[in-house]
Amino acid sequence: MITEHVGETALPDIEAWANGIIRSEDGTVKALESYHDADSNTYVIRLCRGARVLLFRLSEAQVHTPGREPECEKTLRNRVKEVRRLLGRSE
């Protein structure tokens, strides 16, 4: 479980979790300006590198279900690699 908070109150926990993983993958990518999308029951995290942005979504079930954190971490690491690949190593 990434956080036991729900909705907007979960965002600081999710951002801290995401930034910890991202820093270990690539120091040039940051998780910024996250928000909770109640219509789709997802948390949207904007992965930023310079002026470039890639959106990353986690479902409420992923965030709040015990034991799903490794799955979320793997997906996030793949998105960071995707950002590097799409935007190149230098900026």
N, C-alpha and C. Protein backbone atom coordinates (compact mmCIF):
# COMPACT_ATOMS: atom_id res chain seq x y z
N MET A 1 0.85 -1.17 0.00
CA MET A 1 0.00 0.00 0.00
C MET A 1 0.90 1.24 0.00
N ILE A 2 0.66 2.12 -0.94
CA ILE A 2 1.47 3.33 -1.04
C ILE A 2 1.02 4.34 0.01
N THR A 3 -0.28 4.44 0.23
CA THR A 3 -0.82 5.36 1.22
C THR A 3 -2.17 4.86 1.70
N GLU A 4 -2.51 5.22 2.92
CA GLU A 4 -3.85 4.89 3.40
C GLU A 4 -4.79 6.07 3.25
N HIS A 5 -4.26 7.22 2.86
CA HIS A 5 -5.10 8.39 2.60
C HIS A 5 -5.83 8.22 1.27
N VAL A 6 -6.92 8.94 1.12
CA VAL A 6 -7.69 8.85 -0.12
C VAL A 6 -7.88 10.23 -0.73
N GLY A 7 -8.17 10.24 -2.03
CA GLY A 7 -8.42 11.50 -2.72
C GLY A 7 -7.21 12.43 -2.69
N GLU A 8 -7.49 13.71 -2.62
CA GLU A 8 -6.44 14.73 -2.64
C GLU A 8 -5.46 14.60 -1.47
N THR A 9 -5.92 14.08 -0.33
CA THR A 9 -5.04 13.97 0.83
C THR A 9 -3.95 12.91 0.64
N ALA A 10 -4.11 12.04 -0.36
CA ALA A 10 -3.10 11.01 -0.63
C ALA A 10 -1.95 11.54 -1.48
N LEU A 11 -2.12 12.68 -2.11
CA LEU A 11 -1.12 13.19 -3.06
C LEU A 11 0.27 13.39 -2.47
N PRO A 12 0.43 14.00 -1.29
CA PRO A 12 1.79 14.15 -0.76
C PRO A 12 2.51 12.81 -0.57
N ASP A 13 1.80 11.80 -0.11
CA ASP A 13 2.40 10.47 0.06
C ASP A 13 2.79 9.87 -1.28
N ILE A 14 1.92 9.99 -2.26
CA ILE A 14 2.18 9.43 -3.59
C ILE A 14 3.36 10.14 -4.24
N GLU A 15 3.40 11.47 -4.14
CA GLU A 15 4.50 12.23 -4.72
C GLU A 15 5.83 11.88 -4.07
N ALA A 16 5.84 11.74 -2.75
CA ALA A 16 7.07 11.38 -2.04
C ALA A 16 7.53 9.99 -2.47
N TRP A 17 6.61 9.05 -2.56
CA TRP A 17 6.92 7.70 -3.00
C TRP A 17 7.49 7.73 -4.42
N ALA A 18 6.81 8.44 -5.32
CA ALA A 18 7.24 8.50 -6.72
C ALA A 18 8.60 9.16 -6.85
N ASN A 19 8.81 10.27 -6.17
CA ASN A 19 10.09 10.96 -6.29
C ASN A 19 11.25 10.13 -5.76
N GLY A 20 11.03 9.33 -4.73
CA GLY A 20 12.07 8.45 -4.22
C GLY A 20 12.50 7.43 -5.27
N ILE A 21 11.55 6.86 -5.96
CA ILE A 21 11.84 5.89 -7.01
C ILE A 21 12.50 6.57 -8.21
N ILE A 22 11.97 7.71 -8.58
CA ILE A 22 12.49 8.42 -9.74
C ILE A 22 13.94 8.84 -9.53
N ARG A 23 14.26 9.35 -8.33
CA ARG A 23 15.63 9.77 -8.05
C ARG A 23 16.61 8.62 -8.22
N SER A 24 16.19 7.40 -7.88
CA SER A 24 17.08 6.25 -8.02
C SER A 24 17.26 5.84 -9.49
N GLU A 25 16.34 6.25 -10.36
CA GLU A 25 16.42 5.92 -11.79
C GLU A 25 17.10 7.02 -12.60
N ASP A 26 16.69 8.26 -12.37
CA ASP A 26 17.18 9.37 -13.20
C ASP A 26 16.96 10.68 -12.45
N GLY A 27 18.05 11.33 -12.07
CA GLY A 27 17.98 12.57 -11.31
C GLY A 27 17.43 13.75 -12.07
N THR A 28 17.23 13.62 -13.39
CA THR A 28 16.73 14.75 -14.18
C THR A 28 15.22 14.73 -14.34
N VAL A 29 14.57 13.66 -13.89
CA VAL A 29 13.11 13.54 -13.99
C VAL A 29 12.51 13.78 -12.61
N LYS A 30 11.41 14.51 -12.55
CA LYS A 30 10.75 14.79 -11.28
C LYS A 30 9.25 14.53 -11.42
N ALA A 31 8.62 14.15 -10.31
CA ALA A 31 7.16 13.99 -10.27
C ALA A 31 6.59 15.28 -9.70
N LEU A 32 5.83 15.98 -10.51
CA LEU A 32 5.27 17.27 -10.12
C LEU A 32 3.78 17.34 -10.41
N GLU A 33 3.13 18.24 -9.73
CA GLU A 33 1.75 18.62 -10.02
C GLU A 33 0.82 17.41 -10.16
N SER A 34 0.80 16.57 -9.19
CA SER A 34 -0.09 15.41 -9.19
C SER A 34 -1.51 15.85 -8.85
N TYR A 35 -2.47 15.07 -9.29
CA TYR A 35 -3.85 15.35 -8.92
C TYR A 35 -4.65 14.06 -8.89
N HIS A 36 -5.76 14.11 -8.20
CA HIS A 36 -6.67 12.97 -8.11
C HIS A 36 -7.80 13.20 -9.10
N ASP A 37 -8.00 12.25 -10.01
CA ASP A 37 -9.09 12.34 -10.99
C ASP A 37 -10.22 11.43 -10.51
N ALA A 38 -11.19 12.03 -9.84
CA ALA A 38 -12.29 11.26 -9.24
C ALA A 38 -13.15 10.58 -10.31
N ASP A 39 -13.25 11.17 -11.50
CA ASP A 39 -14.07 10.58 -12.56
C ASP A 39 -13.53 9.23 -13.01
N SER A 40 -12.20 9.08 -13.04
CA SER A 40 -11.60 7.82 -13.50
C SER A 40 -11.02 7.00 -12.35
N ASN A 41 -11.18 7.49 -11.13
CA ASN A 41 -10.64 6.81 -9.94
C ASN A 41 -9.14 6.55 -10.07
N THR A 42 -8.42 7.57 -10.52
CA THR A 42 -6.97 7.45 -10.68
C THR A 42 -6.26 8.65 -10.07
N TYR A 43 -4.99 8.42 -9.78
CA TYR A 43 -4.08 9.49 -9.38
C TYR A 43 -3.17 9.75 -10.56
N VAL A 44 -3.10 10.98 -11.00
CA VAL A 44 -2.29 11.33 -12.16
C VAL A 44 -1.04 12.06 -11.66
N ILE A 45 0.11 11.56 -12.09
CA ILE A 45 1.38 12.15 -11.72
C ILE A 45 2.04 12.65 -13.00
N ARG A 46 2.46 13.89 -12.99
CA ARG A 46 3.16 14.43 -14.16
C ARG A 46 4.65 14.23 -13.96
N LEU A 47 5.24 13.43 -14.83
CA LEU A 47 6.68 13.23 -14.81
C LEU A 47 7.29 14.29 -15.71
N CYS A 48 8.13 15.14 -15.14
CA CYS A 48 8.69 16.27 -15.86
C CYS A 48 10.20 16.13 -16.02
N ARG A 49 10.66 16.49 -17.18
CA ARG A 49 12.10 16.59 -17.45
C ARG A 49 12.27 17.84 -18.28
N GLY A 50 12.80 18.88 -17.64
CA GLY A 50 12.86 20.17 -18.30
C GLY A 50 11.44 20.66 -18.55
N ALA A 51 11.17 21.04 -19.79
CA ALA A 51 9.83 21.53 -20.15
C ALA A 51 8.94 20.40 -20.66
N ARG A 52 9.42 19.16 -20.67
CA ARG A 52 8.68 18.03 -21.19
C ARG A 52 7.92 17.32 -20.08
N VAL A 53 6.73 16.80 -20.42
CA VAL A 53 5.87 16.16 -19.42
C VAL A 53 5.32 14.84 -19.97
N LEU A 54 5.33 13.81 -19.13
CA LEU A 54 4.68 12.54 -19.43
C LEU A 54 3.74 12.24 -18.27
N LEU A 55 2.49 11.92 -18.57
CA LEU A 55 1.53 11.61 -17.51
C LEU A 55 1.62 10.14 -17.13
N PHE A 56 1.53 9.88 -15.85
CA PHE A 56 1.58 8.54 -15.29
C PHE A 56 0.37 8.40 -14.39
N ARG A 57 -0.40 7.34 -14.56
CA ARG A 57 -1.62 7.14 -13.77
C ARG A 57 -1.50 5.91 -12.90
N LEU A 58 -1.99 6.02 -11.69
CA LEU A 58 -2.14 4.89 -10.78
C LEU A 58 -3.60 4.81 -10.40
N SER A 59 -4.16 3.63 -10.43
CA SER A 59 -5.56 3.48 -10.03
C SER A 59 -5.65 3.55 -8.50
N GLU A 60 -6.82 3.88 -8.01
CA GLU A 60 -7.03 3.89 -6.56
C GLU A 60 -6.77 2.50 -5.99
N ALA A 61 -7.15 1.46 -6.73
CA ALA A 61 -6.93 0.09 -6.26
C ALA A 61 -5.43 -0.20 -6.10
N GLN A 62 -4.62 0.26 -7.05
CA GLN A 62 -3.18 0.05 -6.96
C GLN A 62 -2.61 0.76 -5.74
N VAL A 63 -3.04 1.95 -5.50
CA VAL A 63 -2.51 2.78 -4.42
C VAL A 63 -2.93 2.27 -3.05
N HIS A 64 -4.14 1.77 -2.93
CA HIS A 64 -4.70 1.42 -1.62
C HIS A 64 -4.71 -0.07 -1.29
N THR A 65 -4.30 -0.93 -2.21
CA THR A 65 -4.33 -2.37 -1.96
C THR A 65 -2.97 -2.84 -1.44
N PRO A 66 -2.93 -3.47 -0.28
CA PRO A 66 -1.67 -4.00 0.23
C PRO A 66 -1.06 -4.99 -0.76
N GLY A 67 0.26 -4.92 -0.92
CA GLY A 67 0.97 -5.84 -1.79
C GLY A 67 1.10 -5.43 -3.23
N ARG A 68 0.52 -4.30 -3.62
CA ARG A 68 0.59 -3.88 -5.02
C ARG A 68 1.68 -2.85 -5.26
N GLU A 69 2.36 -2.43 -4.21
CA GLU A 69 3.40 -1.42 -4.36
C GLU A 69 4.51 -1.86 -5.32
N PRO A 70 4.99 -3.12 -5.26
CA PRO A 70 6.05 -3.53 -6.21
C PRO A 70 5.61 -3.40 -7.68
N GLU A 71 4.35 -3.72 -7.94
CA GLU A 71 3.81 -3.59 -9.30
C GLU A 71 3.82 -2.12 -9.73
N CYS A 72 3.41 -1.24 -8.85
CA CYS A 72 3.39 0.19 -9.14
C CYS A 72 4.82 0.71 -9.36
N GLU A 73 5.74 0.25 -8.53
CA GLU A 73 7.13 0.69 -8.66
C GLU A 73 7.71 0.25 -10.00
N LYS A 74 7.45 -0.97 -10.40
CA LYS A 74 7.95 -1.46 -11.68
C LYS A 74 7.40 -0.63 -12.84
N THR A 75 6.11 -0.33 -12.78
CA THR A 75 5.49 0.48 -13.83
C THR A 75 6.08 1.88 -13.85
N LEU A 76 6.29 2.48 -12.69
CA LEU A 76 6.87 3.81 -12.63
C LEU A 76 8.29 3.81 -13.18
N ARG A 77 9.10 2.83 -12.81
CA ARG A 77 10.46 2.74 -13.34
C ARG A 77 10.45 2.63 -14.87
N ASN A 78 9.51 1.88 -15.41
CA ASN A 78 9.39 1.77 -16.87
C ASN A 78 9.01 3.11 -17.50
N ARG A 79 8.17 3.88 -16.83
CA ARG A 79 7.78 5.20 -17.36
C ARG A 79 8.97 6.16 -17.34
N VAL A 80 9.80 6.09 -16.31
CA VAL A 80 10.99 6.94 -16.25
C VAL A 80 11.92 6.57 -17.40
N LYS A 81 12.08 5.30 -17.68
CA LYS A 81 12.91 4.87 -18.81
C LYS A 81 12.32 5.36 -20.12
N GLU A 82 11.00 5.35 -20.20
CA GLU A 82 10.32 5.84 -21.40
C GLU A 82 10.57 7.34 -21.59
N VAL A 83 10.53 8.09 -20.50
CA VAL A 83 10.82 9.53 -20.58
C VAL A 83 12.23 9.73 -21.12
N ARG A 84 13.19 8.97 -20.58
CA ARG A 84 14.58 9.09 -21.06
C ARG A 84 14.68 8.75 -22.54
N ARG A 85 14.02 7.69 -22.93
CA ARG A 85 14.08 7.25 -24.33
C ARG A 85 13.43 8.28 -25.26
N LEU A 86 12.26 8.76 -24.89
CA LEU A 86 11.53 9.70 -25.74
C LEU A 86 12.21 11.07 -25.80
N LEU A 87 12.78 11.49 -24.69
CA LEU A 87 13.32 12.84 -24.64
C LEU A 87 14.84 12.89 -24.77
N GLY A 88 15.48 11.74 -24.83
CA GLY A 88 16.94 11.73 -24.96
C GLY A 88 17.60 11.92 -23.60
N ARG A 89 18.86 11.56 -23.53
CA ARG A 89 19.60 11.63 -22.26
C ARG A 89 19.97 13.05 -21.87
N SER A 90 20.21 13.93 -22.82
CA SER A 90 20.65 15.28 -22.45
C SER A 90 19.59 16.30 -22.82
N GLU A 91 19.57 17.37 -22.07
CA GLU A 91 18.60 18.45 -22.34
C GLU A 91 19.20 19.75 -21.89
